[in-house]
Amino acid sequence: MKGVVFSIEEFSVFDGPGIRSTVFLKGCPLACEWCHNPEGQGFGIETFNAKVIGKEYSIDELCSKLLKNADIFSFSGGGVTFSGGEPLMQSEFLIGCLKNLNGKVNRAIQTSGYASERIFSSVLEHCDYILYDLKIIDCDLHKKYTGKSNETILKNYLTLVNSGVNFTTRVPLIPTVTDTKENLTKIANLLAFNNVKKVELLPYNKMAGGKYKLVGKTYLPSFDGNIEPNPRTEAFENLGISVKIM
């Protein structure tokens, strides 16, 4: 079995605890207007302006490459994180890699949670750590800005909360979309109701739009690009949830 990877970032310190290698798998079911990895949205290997996006790896080939840094992972408390795109879209390949790495390194995924409950639960069984994105609580707004309903995402989040797997909730701060007082309050209430004690806020990066031209896309966000100078942390702090700004 082979999977398609569009990037491998070594010595990452933002995708889970310790020093990590982050594997970006191609393919995503969402179409977030602010997507920072437009080159990872499409499925399979693609070519734009003579630039090939994506490379096939077998499970053994990819895991052998990742395990070259096993000593560094062990020393720093790090490991391997599978991101994307959406790693759950290549679930069989992902599970194969997670099984191969079991007992050798810490295994994490960074996910939107958009997959069937069966797939999510199957992947969850083989993970040591989850970075879970919550973007928008209002279903209509979620569909407007990402192209999909958030019903499955919220169901899978509750599965995660009750799984016993170590996880961190992440919220991207998108101007006038996710960083509103109303949305952040709803997310904070969801976390507090489920006794979740920490959250990471990811400030919007205006430079993300620069990637789109490279992959034959046009960056046309409908939201106001003015970044909130002081991220709204009070919605979480008022409920006893610790906040880390990445």
C-alpha atoms as a PDB file:
ATOM      1  CA  MET A   1       0.000   0.000   0.000  1.00  0.00           C
ATOM      2  CA  LYS A   2       1.177   3.514  -0.834  1.00  0.00           C
ATOM      3  CA  GLY A   3       0.192   6.981   0.327  1.00  0.00           C
ATOM      4  CA  VAL A   4       0.740  10.428  -1.143  1.00  0.00           C
ATOM      5  CA  VAL A   5       2.758  12.939   0.870  1.00  0.00           C
ATOM      6  CA  PHE A   6       3.275  16.549  -0.189  1.00  0.00           C
ATOM      7  CA  SER A   7       5.776  17.585   2.475  1.00  0.00           C
ATOM      8  CA  ILE A   8       7.793  16.284   5.412  1.00  0.00           C
ATOM      9  CA  GLU A   9       8.890  18.891   7.933  1.00  0.00           C
ATOM     10  CA  GLU A  10      11.677  17.785  10.229  1.00  0.00           C
ATOM     11  CA  PHE A  11      12.502  19.322  13.614  1.00  0.00           C
ATOM     12  CA  SER A  12       9.048  20.828  14.013  1.00  0.00           C
ATOM     13  CA  VAL A  13       8.154  22.211  17.457  1.00  0.00           C
ATOM     14  CA  PHE A  14       4.595  23.362  16.698  1.00  0.00           C
ATOM     15  CA  ASP A  15       2.841  20.081  15.910  1.00  0.00           C
ATOM     16  CA  GLY A  16       2.765  18.380  19.280  1.00  0.00           C
ATOM     17  CA  PRO A  17       5.116  17.924  22.232  1.00  0.00           C
ATOM     18  CA  GLY A  18       8.883  17.873  21.780  1.00  0.00           C
ATOM     19  CA  ILE A  19      10.773  17.862  18.503  1.00  0.00           C
ATOM     20  CA  ARG A  20       8.820  16.131  15.761  1.00  0.00           C
ATOM     21  CA  SER A  21       8.724  15.214  12.116  1.00  0.00           C
ATOM     22  CA  THR A  22       5.439  16.293  10.550  1.00  0.00           C
ATOM     23  CA  VAL A  23       4.166  14.362   7.548  1.00  0.00           C
ATOM     24  CA  PHE A  24       1.678  16.238   5.362  1.00  0.00           C
ATOM     25  CA  LEU A  25      -0.673  13.852   3.559  1.00  0.00           C
ATOM     26  CA  LYS A  26      -2.483  15.066   0.450  1.00  0.00           C
ATOM     27  CA  GLY A  27      -6.222  15.395   0.187  1.00  0.00           C
ATOM     28  CA  CYS A  28      -8.786  17.322   2.216  1.00  0.00           C
ATOM     29  CA  PRO A  29     -12.609  17.222   2.154  1.00  0.00           C
ATOM     30  CA  LEU A  30     -12.881  20.793   3.469  1.00  0.00           C
ATOM     31  CA  ALA A  31     -12.380  23.967   1.464  1.00  0.00           C
ATOM     32  CA  CYS A  32     -11.527  26.477   4.192  1.00  0.00           C
ATOM     33  CA  GLU A  33     -11.204  29.972   2.750  1.00  0.00           C
ATOM     34  CA  TRP A  34      -8.087  30.601   4.843  1.00  0.00           C
ATOM     35  CA  CYS A  35      -6.342  27.285   4.116  1.00  0.00           C
ATOM     36  CA  HIS A  36      -2.592  27.570   4.747  1.00  0.00           C
ATOM     37  CA  ASN A  37      -1.769  24.474   2.677  1.00  0.00           C
ATOM     38  CA  PRO A  38      -3.649  24.809  -0.630  1.00  0.00           C
ATOM     39  CA  GLU A  39      -1.122  22.453  -2.231  1.00  0.00           C
ATOM     40  CA  GLY A  40      -2.479  19.722   0.028  1.00  0.00           C
ATOM     41  CA  GLN A  41      -6.169  20.097  -0.805  1.00  0.00           C
ATOM     42  CA  GLY A  42      -6.254  17.986  -3.956  1.00  0.00           C
ATOM     43  CA  PHE A  43      -6.076  14.202  -3.918  1.00  0.00           C
ATOM     44  CA  GLY A  44      -3.235  12.334  -5.554  1.00  0.00           C
ATOM     45  CA  ILE A  45      -0.123  13.654  -7.245  1.00  0.00           C
ATOM     46  CA  GLU A  46      -0.698  16.929  -9.106  1.00  0.00           C
ATOM     47  CA  THR A  47       1.374  19.131 -11.377  1.00  0.00           C
ATOM     48  CA  PHE A  48       1.169  22.935 -11.458  1.00  0.00           C
ATOM     49  CA  ASN A  49       3.397  25.023 -13.721  1.00  0.00           C
ATOM     50  CA  ALA A  50       5.718  22.042 -14.173  1.00  0.00           C
ATOM     51  CA  LYS A  51       5.966  21.648 -10.373  1.00  0.00           C
ATOM     52  CA  VAL A  52       4.980  18.219  -9.081  1.00  0.00           C
ATOM     53  CA  ILE A  53       3.014  18.280  -5.826  1.00  0.00           C
ATOM     54  CA  GLY A  54       3.052  14.996  -3.964  1.00  0.00           C
ATOM     55  CA  LYS A  55       5.189  11.892  -3.726  1.00  0.00           C
ATOM     56  CA  GLU A  56       4.211   8.290  -3.210  1.00  0.00           C
ATOM     57  CA  TYR A  57       5.626   6.347  -0.277  1.00  0.00           C
ATOM     58  CA  SER A  58       5.099   2.807   0.872  1.00  0.00           C
ATOM     59  CA  ILE A  59       4.449   2.354   4.588  1.00  0.00           C
ATOM     60  CA  ASP A  60       7.868   0.800   5.171  1.00  0.00           C
ATOM     61  CA  GLU A  61       9.651   3.445   3.098  1.00  0.00           C
ATOM     62  CA  LEU A  62       8.054   6.375   4.913  1.00  0.00           C
ATOM     63  CA  CYS A  63       8.431   4.899   8.399  1.00  0.00           C
ATOM     64  CA  SER A  64      12.091   4.011   7.799  1.00  0.00           C
ATOM     65  CA  LYS A  65      12.714   7.618   6.800  1.00  0.00           C
ATOM     66  CA  LEU A  66      10.932   8.947   9.883  1.00  0.00           C
ATOM     67  CA  LEU A  67      12.675   6.619  12.314  1.00  0.00           C
ATOM     68  CA  LYS A  68      16.075   7.998  11.362  1.00  0.00           C
ATOM     69  CA  ASN A  69      15.351  10.743  13.909  1.00  0.00           C
ATOM     70  CA  ALA A  70      14.073   8.372  16.617  1.00  0.00           C
ATOM     71  CA  ASP A  71      16.873   9.259  19.037  1.00  0.00           C
ATOM     72  CA  ILE A  72      16.034  12.969  18.762  1.00  0.00           C
ATOM     73  CA  PHE A  73      12.354  12.245  19.319  1.00  0.00           C
ATOM     74  CA  SER A  74      13.138  10.165  22.394  1.00  0.00           C
ATOM     75  CA  PHE A  75      15.472  12.790  23.878  1.00  0.00           C
ATOM     76  CA  SER A  76      13.024  15.665  23.389  1.00  0.00           C
ATOM     77  CA  GLY A  77       9.798  13.851  24.182  1.00  0.00           C
ATOM     78  CA  GLY A  78       8.734  14.292  20.575  1.00  0.00           C
ATOM     79  CA  GLY A  79       7.711  11.980  17.781  1.00  0.00           C
ATOM     80  CA  VAL A  80       5.879  11.922  14.471  1.00  0.00           C
ATOM     81  CA  THR A  81       2.764  13.924  13.579  1.00  0.00           C
ATOM     82  CA  PHE A  82       0.605  13.206  10.522  1.00  0.00           C
ATOM     83  CA  SER A  83      -1.082  16.323   9.184  1.00  0.00           C
ATOM     84  CA  GLY A  84      -2.360  17.496   5.812  1.00  0.00           C
ATOM     85  CA  GLY A  85      -4.520  18.139   3.987  1.00  0.00           C
ATOM     86  CA  GLU A  86      -6.562  15.864   6.169  1.00  0.00           C
ATOM     87  CA  PRO A  87      -4.715  12.699   7.212  1.00  0.00           C
ATOM     88  CA  LEU A  88      -7.985  10.835   7.828  1.00  0.00           C
ATOM     89  CA  MET A  89      -8.600  10.890   4.069  1.00  0.00           C
ATOM     90  CA  GLN A  90      -5.799   8.343   3.644  1.00  0.00           C
ATOM     91  CA  SER A  91      -6.938   6.328   6.644  1.00  0.00           C
ATOM     92  CA  GLU A  92      -5.702   2.877   5.590  1.00  0.00           C
ATOM     93  CA  PHE A  93      -2.230   4.177   4.801  1.00  0.00           C
ATOM     94  CA  LEU A  94      -2.265   6.273   7.975  1.00  0.00           C
ATOM     95  CA  ILE A  95      -3.234   3.324  10.172  1.00  0.00           C
ATOM     96  CA  GLY A  96      -0.539   1.232   8.521  1.00  0.00           C
ATOM     97  CA  CYS A  97       2.081   3.845   9.383  1.00  0.00           C
ATOM     98  CA  LEU A  98       0.800   4.250  12.941  1.00  0.00           C
ATOM     99  CA  LYS A  99       0.982   0.484  13.482  1.00  0.00           C
ATOM    100  CA  ASN A 100       4.505   0.382  12.038  1.00  0.00           C
ATOM    101  CA  LEU A 101       5.631   3.157  14.413  1.00  0.00           C
ATOM    102  CA  ASN A 102       3.968   1.653  17.475  1.00  0.00           C
ATOM    103  CA  GLY A 103       6.361   1.356  20.393  1.00  0.00           C
ATOM    104  CA  LYS A 104       9.119   3.174  18.496  1.00  0.00           C
ATOM    105  CA  VAL A 105       8.030   6.836  18.614  1.00  0.00           C
ATOM    106  CA  ASN A 106       5.163   8.949  19.900  1.00  0.00           C
ATOM    107  CA  ARG A 107       2.428   8.988  17.231  1.00  0.00           C
ATOM    108  CA  ALA A 108       0.179  11.994  16.666  1.00  0.00           C
ATOM    109  CA  ILE A 109      -2.245  13.311  14.100  1.00  0.00           C
ATOM    110  CA  GLN A 110      -3.399  16.837  13.430  1.00  0.00           C
ATOM    111  CA  THR A 111      -6.972  16.671  12.166  1.00  0.00           C
ATOM    112  CA  SER A 112     -10.143  18.576  11.431  1.00  0.00           C
ATOM    113  CA  GLY A 113     -12.052  15.492  12.541  1.00  0.00           C
ATOM    114  CA  TYR A 114     -13.981  15.348   9.270  1.00  0.00           C
ATOM    115  CA  ALA A 115     -14.362  11.619   8.597  1.00  0.00           C
ATOM    116  CA  SER A 116     -16.851   8.900   9.374  1.00  0.00           C
ATOM    117  CA  GLU A 117     -17.116   7.885  13.007  1.00  0.00           C
ATOM    118  CA  ARG A 118     -15.844   4.433  12.021  1.00  0.00           C
ATOM    119  CA  ILE A 119     -12.686   5.805  10.411  1.00  0.00           C
ATOM    120  CA  PHE A 120     -12.035   8.263  13.214  1.00  0.00           C
ATOM    121  CA  SER A 121     -12.413   5.621  15.908  1.00  0.00           C
ATOM    122  CA  SER A 122     -10.178   3.207  13.982  1.00  0.00           C
ATOM    123  CA  VAL A 123      -7.394   5.781  13.658  1.00  0.00           C
ATOM    124  CA  LEU A 124      -7.801   6.865  17.264  1.00  0.00           C
ATOM    125  CA  GLU A 125      -6.945   3.352  18.468  1.00  0.00           C
ATOM    126  CA  HIS A 126      -3.418   3.748  17.111  1.00  0.00           C
ATOM    127  CA  CYS A 127      -2.609   7.310  18.225  1.00  0.00           C
ATOM    128  CA  ASP A 128      -0.763   8.541  21.303  1.00  0.00           C
ATOM    129  CA  TYR A 129      -1.718  12.180  20.829  1.00  0.00           C
ATOM    130  CA  ILE A 130      -4.269  14.198  18.854  1.00  0.00           C
ATOM    131  CA  LEU A 131      -4.257  17.833  17.749  1.00  0.00           C
ATOM    132  CA  TYR A 132      -7.933  18.538  16.997  1.00  0.00           C
ATOM    133  CA  ASP A 133      -9.097  21.670  15.193  1.00  0.00           C
ATOM    134  CA  LEU A 134     -12.367  23.306  16.151  1.00  0.00           C
ATOM    135  CA  LYS A 135     -13.138  26.170  13.806  1.00  0.00           C
ATOM    136  CA  ILE A 136     -16.768  27.272  13.903  1.00  0.00           C
ATOM    137  CA  ILE A 137     -19.600  26.016  16.116  1.00  0.00           C
ATOM    138  CA  ASP A 138     -22.503  27.449  14.106  1.00  0.00           C
ATOM    139  CA  CYS A 139     -23.317  24.816  11.466  1.00  0.00           C
ATOM    140  CA  ASP A 140     -24.435  27.254   8.761  1.00  0.00           C
ATOM    141  CA  LEU A 141     -21.335  29.427   9.135  1.00  0.00           C
ATOM    142  CA  HIS A 142     -19.121  26.349   9.160  1.00  0.00           C
ATOM    143  CA  LYS A 143     -20.621  25.242   5.859  1.00  0.00           C
ATOM    144  CA  LYS A 144     -20.282  28.750   4.414  1.00  0.00           C
ATOM    145  CA  TYR A 145     -16.560  29.054   5.156  1.00  0.00           C
ATOM    146  CA  THR A 146     -15.406  25.431   4.839  1.00  0.00           C
ATOM    147  CA  GLY A 147     -17.899  23.924   2.415  1.00  0.00           C
ATOM    148  CA  LYS A 148     -19.029  21.247   4.889  1.00  0.00           C
ATOM    149  CA  SER A 149     -21.298  20.810   7.895  1.00  0.00           C
ATOM    150  CA  ASN A 150     -19.600  20.441  11.280  1.00  0.00           C
ATOM    151  CA  GLU A 151     -21.971  17.749  12.572  1.00  0.00           C
ATOM    152  CA  THR A 152     -19.485  14.907  12.064  1.00  0.00           C
ATOM    153  CA  ILE A 153     -16.624  17.016  13.438  1.00  0.00           C
ATOM    154  CA  LEU A 154     -18.467  17.712  16.695  1.00  0.00           C
ATOM    155  CA  LYS A 155     -19.508  14.055  17.079  1.00  0.00           C
ATOM    156  CA  ASN A 156     -15.930  12.907  16.596  1.00  0.00           C
ATOM    157  CA  TYR A 157     -14.724  15.511  19.073  1.00  0.00           C
ATOM    158  CA  LEU A 158     -16.945  13.998  21.749  1.00  0.00           C
ATOM    159  CA  THR A 159     -15.590  10.559  20.842  1.00  0.00           C
ATOM    160  CA  LEU A 160     -12.084  11.947  21.335  1.00  0.00           C
ATOM    161  CA  VAL A 161     -12.944  13.551  24.674  1.00  0.00           C
ATOM    162  CA  ASN A 162     -14.252  10.230  25.986  1.00  0.00           C
ATOM    163  CA  SER A 163     -11.474   8.076  24.495  1.00  0.00           C
ATOM    164  CA  GLY A 164      -8.763   8.617  27.090  1.00  0.00           C
ATOM    165  CA  VAL A 165      -6.269   9.550  24.350  1.00  0.00           C
ATOM    166  CA  ASN A 166      -4.168  12.617  25.161  1.00  0.00           C
ATOM    167  CA  PHE A 167      -5.222  15.563  22.993  1.00  0.00           C
ATOM    168  CA  THR A 168      -5.116  19.311  22.515  1.00  0.00           C
ATOM    169  CA  THR A 169      -7.913  21.397  21.044  1.00  0.00           C
ATOM    170  CA  ARG A 170      -6.775  24.007  18.545  1.00  0.00           C
ATOM    171  CA  VAL A 171      -8.698  27.018  17.256  1.00  0.00           C
ATOM    172  CA  PRO A 172      -7.464  28.957  14.208  1.00  0.00           C
ATOM    173  CA  LEU A 173      -8.148  32.668  14.697  1.00  0.00           C
ATOM    174  CA  ILE A 174      -9.607  33.830  11.388  1.00  0.00           C
ATOM    175  CA  PRO A 175     -10.573  37.525  11.316  1.00  0.00           C
ATOM    176  CA  THR A 176     -14.345  38.084  11.709  1.00  0.00           C
ATOM    177  CA  VAL A 177     -15.007  34.364  11.196  1.00  0.00           C
ATOM    178  CA  THR A 178     -13.641  32.240  14.033  1.00  0.00           C
ATOM    179  CA  ASP A 179     -12.208  34.968  16.283  1.00  0.00           C
ATOM    180  CA  THR A 180     -15.575  36.533  17.104  1.00  0.00           C
ATOM    181  CA  LYS A 181     -16.696  36.743  20.717  1.00  0.00           C
ATOM    182  CA  GLU A 182     -19.768  34.664  19.912  1.00  0.00           C
ATOM    183  CA  ASN A 183     -17.856  31.805  18.267  1.00  0.00           C
ATOM    184  CA  LEU A 184     -15.069  31.648  20.831  1.00  0.00           C
ATOM    185  CA  THR A 185     -17.612  31.706  23.658  1.00  0.00           C
ATOM    186  CA  LYS A 186     -19.445  28.756  22.091  1.00  0.00           C
ATOM    187  CA  ILE A 187     -16.184  26.825  21.720  1.00  0.00           C
ATOM    188  CA  ALA A 188     -15.211  27.644  25.304  1.00  0.00           C
ATOM    189  CA  ASN A 189     -18.592  26.454  26.555  1.00  0.00           C
ATOM    190  CA  LEU A 190     -18.215  23.186  24.640  1.00  0.00           C
ATOM    191  CA  LEU A 191     -14.789  22.600  26.165  1.00  0.00           C
ATOM    192  CA  ALA A 192     -15.925  23.484  29.678  1.00  0.00           C
ATOM    193  CA  PHE A 193     -18.992  21.238  29.431  1.00  0.00           C
ATOM    194  CA  ASN A 194     -16.680  18.347  28.548  1.00  0.00           C
ATOM    195  CA  ASN A 195     -14.153  19.241  31.256  1.00  0.00           C
ATOM    196  CA  VAL A 196     -11.442  20.152  28.721  1.00  0.00           C
ATOM    197  CA  LYS A 197      -8.860  22.278  30.516  1.00  0.00           C
ATOM    198  CA  LYS A 198      -6.626  23.658  27.770  1.00  0.00           C
ATOM    199  CA  VAL A 199      -6.780  25.156  24.304  1.00  0.00           C
ATOM    200  CA  GLU A 200      -4.301  26.456  21.735  1.00  0.00           C
ATOM    201  CA  LEU A 201      -5.129  29.521  19.632  1.00  0.00           C
ATOM    202  CA  LEU A 202      -3.504  29.827  16.213  1.00  0.00           C
ATOM    203  CA  PRO A 203      -3.248  33.446  14.968  1.00  0.00           C
ATOM    204  CA  TYR A 204      -4.044  34.040  11.303  1.00  0.00           C
ATOM    205  CA  ASN A 205      -1.076  34.258   8.964  1.00  0.00           C
ATOM    206  CA  LYS A 206      -1.626  36.745   6.119  1.00  0.00           C
ATOM    207  CA  MET A 207       1.286  35.210   4.221  1.00  0.00           C
ATOM    208  CA  ALA A 208      -0.770  32.080   3.548  1.00  0.00           C
ATOM    209  CA  GLY A 209      -2.244  33.624   0.421  1.00  0.00           C
ATOM    210  CA  GLY A 210       1.158  33.635  -1.257  1.00  0.00           C
ATOM    211  CA  LYS A 211       1.027  29.880  -1.866  1.00  0.00           C
ATOM    212  CA  TYR A 212      -2.095  29.928  -3.997  1.00  0.00           C
ATOM    213  CA  LYS A 213      -0.575  31.270  -7.195  1.00  0.00           C
ATOM    214  CA  LEU A 214       2.098  28.570  -7.058  1.00  0.00           C
ATOM    215  CA  VAL A 215      -0.567  25.869  -7.322  1.00  0.00           C
ATOM    216  CA  GLY A 216      -2.795  27.577  -9.891  1.00  0.00           C
ATOM    217  CA  LYS A 217      -5.339  28.850  -7.394  1.00  0.00           C
ATOM    218  CA  THR A 218      -6.633  32.296  -6.504  1.00  0.00           C
ATOM    219  CA  TYR A 219      -6.809  33.414  -2.896  1.00  0.00           C
ATOM    220  CA  LEU A 220     -10.177  35.118  -2.523  1.00  0.00           C
ATOM    221  CA  PRO A 221     -11.226  35.061   1.130  1.00  0.00           C
ATOM    222  CA  SER A 222     -14.554  36.768   1.768  1.00  0.00           C
ATOM    223  CA  PHE A 223     -13.626  37.705   5.332  1.00  0.00           C
ATOM    224  CA  ASP A 224     -12.048  40.943   6.545  1.00  0.00           C
ATOM    225  CA  GLY A 225      -8.307  40.356   6.835  1.00  0.00           C
ATOM    226  CA  ASN A 226      -7.728  42.692   9.786  1.00  0.00           C
ATOM    227  CA  ILE A 227      -6.073  40.626  12.486  1.00  0.00           C
ATOM    228  CA  GLU A 228      -7.298  41.033  16.056  1.00  0.00           C
ATOM    229  CA  PRO A 229      -4.259  42.587  17.834  1.00  0.00           C
ATOM    230  CA  ASN A 230      -5.100  40.880  21.121  1.00  0.00           C
ATOM    231  CA  PRO A 231      -6.535  37.376  20.695  1.00  0.00           C
ATOM    232  CA  ARG A 232      -9.748  36.951  22.670  1.00  0.00           C
ATOM    233  CA  THR A 233      -8.629  34.682  25.481  1.00  0.00           C
ATOM    234  CA  GLU A 234     -11.146  35.754  28.089  1.00  0.00           C
ATOM    235  CA  ALA A 235     -13.894  33.428  26.820  1.00  0.00           C
ATOM    236  CA  PHE A 236     -11.717  30.479  27.832  1.00  0.00           C
ATOM    237  CA  GLU A 237      -9.990  31.947  30.875  1.00  0.00           C
ATOM    238  CA  ASN A 238     -13.327  32.890  32.432  1.00  0.00           C
ATOM    239  CA  LEU A 239     -14.189  29.181  32.436  1.00  0.00           C
ATOM    240  CA  GLY A 240     -10.875  28.040  33.881  1.00  0.00           C
ATOM    241  CA  ILE A 241      -9.441  26.874  30.547  1.00  0.00           C
ATOM    242  CA  SER A 242      -5.736  27.603  30.081  1.00  0.00           C
ATOM    243  CA  VAL A 243      -4.840  29.278  26.792  1.00  0.00           C
ATOM    244  CA  LYS A 244      -1.659  28.963  24.765  1.00  0.00           C
ATOM    245  CA  ILE A 245      -1.161  31.253  21.773  1.00  0.00           C
ATOM    246  CA  MET A 246       0.957  29.526  19.148  1.00  0.00           C
END
